Amino acid sequence: MARHGRRRWQYCFAVALWLQLGFPDAEEHFLKAELVLRLDKAITSLGLTQRAAARRIGATQPELSKILGGKFTEVSLERLMRFLTALGCHIEIKIGAGQEDKAGEVTIKDVRRTAA
């Protein structure tokens, strides 16, 4: 299984388990996990080492290694988004009207690129 696929499966499995068990902040942890996956993907696609990526995002290599290894509970969503923008990623947050009788949701999607 590819590196990203295995990591994504591990994160999704853990978060699904936390949601089923009713752990607090499971949804926030899932969002952080998605951003960490995107961070790992951005670093790989740019061909950066962890040391070079850490310098670029304003972190240390050991800190980045821990985050990419799944230890990111103490890292804020905002900081993860700053890391991604430092690597050239575009982040867009949309808020739309919902239904009164239904809870809203938060999703993270890849931007679809079209040929110019």
Foldseek 3Di string as FASTA:
>chain_A
DDPLVVLLVVLVVVLVVCVVVVPPCSQVLSLLSVLLSVLVVLCVVVVHDLQRLCVLLVHHSVVNVCSNVPNCPVPHPVSSVSSCVSSPDDDDDDDDDDDPVDDDDDDDDDDDDDDD
